[in-house]
Structure formats: C-alpha cells, structure tokens
C-alpha cells in the first residue's frame, strides 16, 4: 500500500515538474508576444493621432493594412490552423478532431498576431496566447516522446499558462482550461495547470511588474442595499453577450460569400473598416482595455 502511494506521488511530482517547464517556457514566449503586441498597438495609435490633424496619414494607414494583410495571408496559407483566435483549434485538438504542427503554430501565430495588432483592429491577446501556450506544451510532449495522455495534459497546461501570462491571472487561466478547454474536472490536470499558470505568471510579473493589467481604483464601497442592481446588470450583460455572439458567429458565413478575395486575404476588409472608427473613436481601438480604463477614470 505504501509502495502504491509512493509510486502515485512520484507520478504526480513528475507531471508537476513537466508542467513547471511548460509554464516557464510559455511565460517567456507569451510575455515577449505581449510586449511586442503592445508596441505594435501603440505604433498604430500614434499614426491615428497624426491622421486626425493631417489626412495624408490616412494613406499610411491604408498602406499598412495592405502590407499586413499580405504578410499575414502568406503565414495563414502556410498553416491555416493559425487563423482566428486560436482557442477553437486547441479545443478541437484536445477533443481529437484535429492535429497541429506546433513548430509552425508558434512562429506563424506569433508574428501574424503581432502584425494584426499593429493595425489596432478589434482583437485581443488572449486567443493567441492560449494557442501559443498549447503549442509549447505539445512541443515539449513530442520532443520528449511522451504518451498521448501526457501530451494532452501538457497541451492543457500550456493553454492555462498562456492565458495566465497574457493577463497576470493564474487562477483565471486554470479555471478557463477546466471549464472551457478540458471540459471535465481532473485533480491531476487541475494541479498541473495551476503549476503552469503560476510559473508563467512569475515570468510575466518579472517582465511587466506587479501592477494590474487593468488598474481600476475603487473610491467607494458598493452599498449592500444596491446589490439587486448587480443581478439586473448580469442579466443585461448576458443577453448582450449572447446577441454579440450570435452576430459574431454569422460573420464567417458572410465572408464566405465573398468570392472575389481569397480567404487568406479577407482580413483586409476589417482592417480597412476600422480606419474611420479609429479616426473618430480612437479609444475603442484594440482589445477594449482602453475603453474600460477611460470609463473607470471618468467615474466619480
């Protein structure tokens, strides 16, 4: 009995050490990606600020959109699995419906996402970070010739680490994997995903510091008697999110009807459409964090 318990403990410790490696590597990859993405986003914002006072800069934005579309299109043609956010691909991979080339995903997704964010299009870093982390986990499993079950766990660990490094949120990364990616509760997956998330978060904190991703100050305590408003707010947000999701899921079908543009160059359409929005409402550009921070700063 003691031998069995000791053997089980050794297996768990072995998995935790592997998860630690996945988290540290993912932390380095995603932190560098996050840093470059922020630089790219700030670069396009500077162009938008110039375009407000000098309309010739609009031409620069249009040229940038064409250049980015061409390069990203070449990357997607080389590996179609990098298109989109990346989370559906990870879910499909863990469900056994598809396979990905982790070498290709890491470098293609990395550069394609950074270039896309340089146009300040409405995309966030969570999807690419999750897919990059999953690719790191897959890469470690395949280079070490681990079994299929171990490989699956390491992919989930990498996904948790990717989200943790993207937002300095290790618990969110762990819960995300259990609820959205892995779809069932496993103590082994839980503890290894948490290990990966914490180690990736350690790297992220070292690079970006201890400050929160969304530094929102709270000057007042929400009165207990007003808590019923939170229930109403939750209902409104749930309905609005569902409506947004329904619209979002219809967009690929609308794009499929456009036959004159190859699928790998259709990102040009949103990149051009975002330009007038950026000229009149630059605060809305990017992932949406600027909107949240601006709202929080104007509140009494």
Foldseek 3Di string as FASTA:
>chain_A
DVVVVVVVVVVLVVLLVLLLVLLQVLLVLLLVLLVLLVVLLVQLLVLLVVCLVPVVSLVVLLVLLQVLLVVLLVLCVVPVCLPDLQQVSLQCVLVVNDDDDLVSLQVSNSVNSSSVSSLLFQDASLSSLLNNQLSSLLVVCVVVVHDPVSSSLSSLLRSLSSNCLRFVDNVVSLVCSCVPRNNHDDPSSNSSSSSSSVSSSVSSCVSVNDDGPQDFDDPDDDDPVCCVVVVVVVVVVVVVVVVVVVVVVCVVVVLVVPPVDPPSSVVSVSSSVCSVVCNVPVQCGYNRSSVVNVVSVPDD
